[in-house]
N, C-alpha and C. Protein backbone atom coordinates (compact mmCIF):
# COMPACT_ATOMS: atom_id res chain seq x y z
N MET A 1 -39.75 133.14 75.23
CA MET A 1 -38.60 133.57 76.00
C MET A 1 -39.10 135.34 74.91
N TYR A 2 -39.05 135.50 76.09
CA TYR A 2 -39.12 137.45 75.87
C TYR A 2 -38.11 137.64 75.49
N VAL A 3 -37.41 138.71 74.58
CA VAL A 3 -36.19 139.27 74.04
C VAL A 3 -36.37 140.87 74.09
N VAL A 4 -36.08 141.86 74.28
CA VAL A 4 -36.05 142.96 74.69
C VAL A 4 -34.68 143.46 73.53
N ILE A 5 -35.39 143.78 72.09
CA ILE A 5 -34.20 145.34 71.60
C ILE A 5 -34.24 146.52 71.87
N GLU A 6 -32.97 146.82 71.89
CA GLU A 6 -32.46 148.39 71.89
C GLU A 6 -31.43 148.49 70.62
N HIS A 7 -33.04 149.70 69.69
CA HIS A 7 -32.54 150.44 68.64
C HIS A 7 -31.87 151.40 68.78
N SER A 8 -30.74 151.76 68.41
CA SER A 8 -29.66 152.98 67.69
C SER A 8 -29.88 152.82 66.44
N ILE A 9 -30.72 154.20 65.43
CA ILE A 9 -31.44 154.68 64.45
C ILE A 9 -30.91 155.64 63.68
N SER A 10 -30.13 155.10 62.38
CA SER A 10 -29.23 156.14 62.08
C SER A 10 -29.69 156.25 60.63
N ASN A 11 -31.27 155.58 60.71
CA ASN A 11 -32.35 156.15 59.25
C ASN A 11 -33.26 155.87 59.87
N PRO A 12 -33.54 156.93 60.67
CA PRO A 12 -35.59 156.66 61.56
C PRO A 12 -36.77 156.30 60.00
N LYS A 13 -36.56 157.68 59.13
CA LYS A 13 -37.29 157.28 57.83
C LYS A 13 -37.71 155.49 57.31
N GLU A 14 -36.12 155.32 56.73
CA GLU A 14 -36.19 153.95 55.97
C GLU A 14 -36.75 152.90 57.46
N PHE A 15 -35.95 153.00 58.21
CA PHE A 15 -36.14 152.07 59.76
C PHE A 15 -37.52 151.54 59.25
N TRP A 16 -38.21 153.15 59.59
CA TRP A 16 -40.08 153.01 60.97
C TRP A 16 -40.32 152.11 59.71
N GLU A 17 -40.37 152.37 57.91
CA GLU A 17 -40.97 152.01 56.64
C GLU A 17 -41.61 150.96 56.65
N ILE A 18 -40.01 150.13 56.82
CA ILE A 18 -39.78 148.36 57.36
C ILE A 18 -39.92 147.97 58.27
N ALA A 19 -39.93 148.70 59.12
CA ALA A 19 -40.64 148.31 60.83
C ALA A 19 -42.23 148.34 60.41
N GLN A 20 -43.27 148.58 59.96
CA GLN A 20 -44.45 148.72 59.51
C GLN A 20 -44.51 147.66 58.79
N ALA A 21 -44.58 147.65 58.04
CA ALA A 21 -44.68 146.46 57.47
C ALA A 21 -43.76 145.17 57.10
N ILE A 22 -42.81 144.91 58.65
CA ILE A 22 -42.40 143.88 58.43
C ILE A 22 -43.25 142.10 58.14
N LYS A 23 -42.86 141.31 57.57
CA LYS A 23 -44.01 139.87 57.99
C LYS A 23 -43.06 139.40 58.67
N LEU A 24 -43.43 138.72 60.08
CA LEU A 24 -43.12 137.75 60.51
C LEU A 24 -42.93 136.36 60.36
N PRO A 25 -41.51 135.87 60.57
CA PRO A 25 -41.43 134.33 60.35
C PRO A 25 -42.41 133.66 61.10
N ALA A 26 -42.97 132.76 60.94
CA ALA A 26 -43.91 131.76 61.95
C ALA A 26 -43.07 131.59 63.47
N GLY A 27 -44.12 131.62 64.66
CA GLY A 27 -42.74 131.70 66.29
C GLY A 27 -42.36 132.63 66.36
N LEU A 28 -41.94 133.64 65.99
CA LEU A 28 -41.99 134.99 65.89
C LEU A 28 -43.30 136.72 66.54
N LYS A 29 -43.55 137.03 67.70
CA LYS A 29 -44.48 137.66 68.02
C LYS A 29 -43.49 139.00 68.47
N ILE A 30 -43.83 140.64 68.30
CA ILE A 30 -43.90 141.53 68.71
C ILE A 30 -45.25 141.26 69.99
N HIS A 31 -44.30 142.61 71.12
CA HIS A 31 -45.72 142.74 71.94
C HIS A 31 -45.75 144.44 71.94
N SER A 32 -44.14 144.59 71.65
CA SER A 32 -44.08 145.90 71.60
C SER A 32 -42.96 146.38 71.84
N THR A 33 -43.51 148.01 71.21
CA THR A 33 -42.52 149.00 69.80
C THR A 33 -41.87 150.96 70.77
N LEU A 34 -41.40 150.62 71.01
CA LEU A 34 -41.07 151.51 71.67
C LEU A 34 -39.92 153.15 71.84
N PRO A 35 -40.44 154.10 70.65
CA PRO A 35 -39.45 154.78 70.31
C PRO A 35 -39.92 156.44 70.41
N ASN A 36 -38.82 156.97 70.55
CA ASN A 36 -38.37 157.78 70.90
C ASN A 36 -39.22 159.54 70.12
N SER A 37 -39.32 160.68 70.23
CA SER A 37 -40.28 161.13 69.54
C SER A 37 -39.60 161.83 68.31
N ASP A 38 -38.31 161.53 67.54
CA ASP A 38 -36.95 161.63 66.49
C ASP A 38 -37.14 160.07 65.58
N GLY A 39 -37.93 159.64 66.31
CA GLY A 39 -37.56 158.05 65.65
C GLY A 39 -36.60 157.31 65.56
N SER A 40 -35.15 157.93 66.66
CA SER A 40 -33.75 157.94 66.81
C SER A 40 -33.11 156.52 67.57
N LYS A 41 -34.05 156.55 68.28
CA LYS A 41 -33.97 155.29 69.23
C LYS A 41 -35.35 154.60 69.98
N ALA A 42 -35.59 152.82 69.95
CA ALA A 42 -37.13 152.23 70.36
C ALA A 42 -36.05 151.18 71.02
N VAL A 43 -37.12 151.44 71.64
CA VAL A 43 -36.74 149.61 72.60
C VAL A 43 -38.47 148.72 72.51
N CYS A 44 -37.90 147.86 71.83
CA CYS A 44 -38.95 146.90 71.40
C CYS A 44 -39.24 145.70 72.27
N LEU A 45 -40.14 144.72 72.76
CA LEU A 45 -40.57 143.69 72.87
C LEU A 45 -40.88 142.51 72.36
N TRP A 46 -39.86 141.10 72.44
CA TRP A 46 -40.85 140.22 71.02
C TRP A 46 -40.95 138.89 72.60
N GLU A 47 -41.25 137.82 71.56
CA GLU A 47 -41.68 137.04 72.03
C GLU A 47 -41.14 135.85 70.81
N GLY A 48 -39.85 135.00 70.96
CA GLY A 48 -39.87 134.24 70.55
C GLY A 48 -38.70 132.81 71.21
N LYS A 49 -38.43 131.87 70.10
CA LYS A 49 -37.90 130.46 70.55
C LYS A 49 -37.26 131.07 71.64
N GLU A 50 -35.87 132.14 71.00
CA GLU A 50 -35.04 132.36 71.21
C GLU A 50 -33.76 133.23 71.15
N VAL A 51 -32.97 134.14 71.19
CA VAL A 51 -32.54 135.40 71.10
C VAL A 51 -33.10 134.99 69.85
N LYS A 52 -31.65 134.25 69.10
CA LYS A 52 -30.47 133.97 67.69
C LYS A 52 -32.26 134.27 66.27
N ASP A 53 -33.70 133.91 67.40
CA ASP A 53 -33.83 133.63 65.96
C ASP A 53 -34.83 135.35 65.56
N VAL A 54 -34.84 136.23 66.64
CA VAL A 54 -35.38 137.76 66.83
C VAL A 54 -34.62 138.18 66.47
N LYS A 55 -33.68 138.29 66.62
CA LYS A 55 -31.55 138.54 66.19
C LYS A 55 -31.67 138.35 64.36
N ASN A 56 -31.78 137.05 64.40
CA ASN A 56 -31.56 136.95 62.68
C ASN A 56 -32.40 137.85 61.69
N ALA A 57 -33.99 137.96 62.60
CA ALA A 57 -35.51 138.29 61.77
C ALA A 57 -35.24 140.33 62.02
N VAL A 58 -35.11 140.42 62.55
CA VAL A 58 -34.66 141.66 63.16
C VAL A 58 -33.57 142.49 62.15
N GLU A 59 -32.29 141.29 61.85
CA GLU A 59 -31.48 142.37 60.84
C GLU A 59 -31.07 142.22 59.86
N GLY A 60 -32.07 140.94 59.85
CA GLY A 60 -32.26 140.96 58.33
C GLY A 60 -33.65 142.42 57.60
N ALA A 61 -34.14 142.32 58.44
CA ALA A 61 -35.04 143.67 57.59
C ALA A 61 -34.30 144.42 57.99
N VAL A 62 -34.01 145.54 59.29
CA VAL A 62 -33.62 146.79 59.44
C VAL A 62 -32.29 146.83 59.75
N GLY A 63 -31.29 145.33 60.22
CA GLY A 63 -30.30 145.73 60.26
C GLY A 63 -29.19 146.47 60.03
N LYS A 64 -29.49 146.84 58.74
CA LYS A 64 -28.48 148.17 58.07
C LYS A 64 -28.60 149.43 58.14
N PHE A 65 -29.90 150.24 59.51
CA PHE A 65 -30.62 151.52 59.44
C PHE A 65 -30.34 151.03 60.43
N SER A 66 -29.67 150.23 61.49
CA SER A 66 -29.34 150.34 63.07
C SER A 66 -28.99 149.64 63.34
N LYS A 67 -28.17 149.91 64.97
CA LYS A 67 -27.25 148.89 65.21
C LYS A 67 -28.31 149.15 66.57
N ASN A 68 -28.48 147.45 67.10
CA ASN A 68 -29.00 147.36 67.59
C ASN A 68 -28.61 145.61 69.16
N GLU A 69 -28.91 146.25 69.81
CA GLU A 69 -28.24 145.16 71.52
C GLU A 69 -29.51 144.47 71.48
N TYR A 70 -29.54 142.56 71.79
CA TYR A 70 -31.05 142.51 72.28
C TYR A 70 -29.93 141.44 73.96
N PHE A 71 -31.59 141.30 74.47
CA PHE A 71 -30.49 140.52 75.46
C PHE A 71 -32.53 139.71 76.26
N SER A 72 -32.25 138.68 77.02
CA SER A 72 -33.52 137.93 77.04
C SER A 72 -33.83 138.09 78.09
N VAL A 73 -35.48 137.81 78.38
CA VAL A 73 -35.63 138.31 79.41
C VAL A 73 -35.40 137.98 81.21
N GLU A 74 -35.26 137.89 82.06
CA GLU A 74 -35.61 136.92 83.20
C GLU A 74 -36.86 137.69 83.15
N THR A 75 -37.89 136.59 83.39
CA THR A 75 -39.72 136.75 83.68
C THR A 75 -39.49 136.81 84.74
N LYS A 76 -38.82 136.33 85.80
CA LYS A 76 -38.51 136.08 87.34
C LYS A 76 -38.60 137.27 88.26
N ASN A 77 -37.81 138.06 87.41
CA ASN A 77 -38.14 139.50 88.24
C ASN A 77 -38.83 140.77 87.09
N ALA A 78 -39.28 140.47 86.35
CA ALA A 78 -40.60 141.10 85.22
C ALA A 78 -41.36 141.88 85.75
N LEU A 79 -41.48 142.93 84.67
CA LEU A 79 -43.21 143.83 85.83
C LEU A 79 -44.02 144.24 84.08
N GLY A 80 -45.39 143.16 83.88
CA GLY A 80 -46.26 144.06 82.81
C GLY A 80 -45.79 142.46 81.47
N LEU A 81 -45.22 142.22 82.01
CA LEU A 81 -45.19 140.67 80.54
C LEU A 81 -46.44 140.84 79.86
N PRO A 82 -47.19 140.73 78.85
CA PRO A 82 -47.95 140.00 77.95
C PRO A 82 -48.32 138.08 78.73
N LYS A 83 -49.75 138.23 78.95
CA LYS A 83 -50.27 136.98 80.22
C LYS A 83 -50.16 136.22 78.37
């Protein structure tokens, strides 16, 4: 399953330092990270078994530096997903 996260980042310096060094649990993969120019917002595309698995990993790593909104991707209507 693909999961999109919309991040509103309160502390870009800390968030991006942690995000660059994160060790992903087995079964999770991050495909894209698309930040704005000042690092205060980003959209990321992840792949995992369930939304909760992605959420647990992200919140545990950067949750104190951002508010995060998660949703699963409806692949039938999606464009440009990884193959």
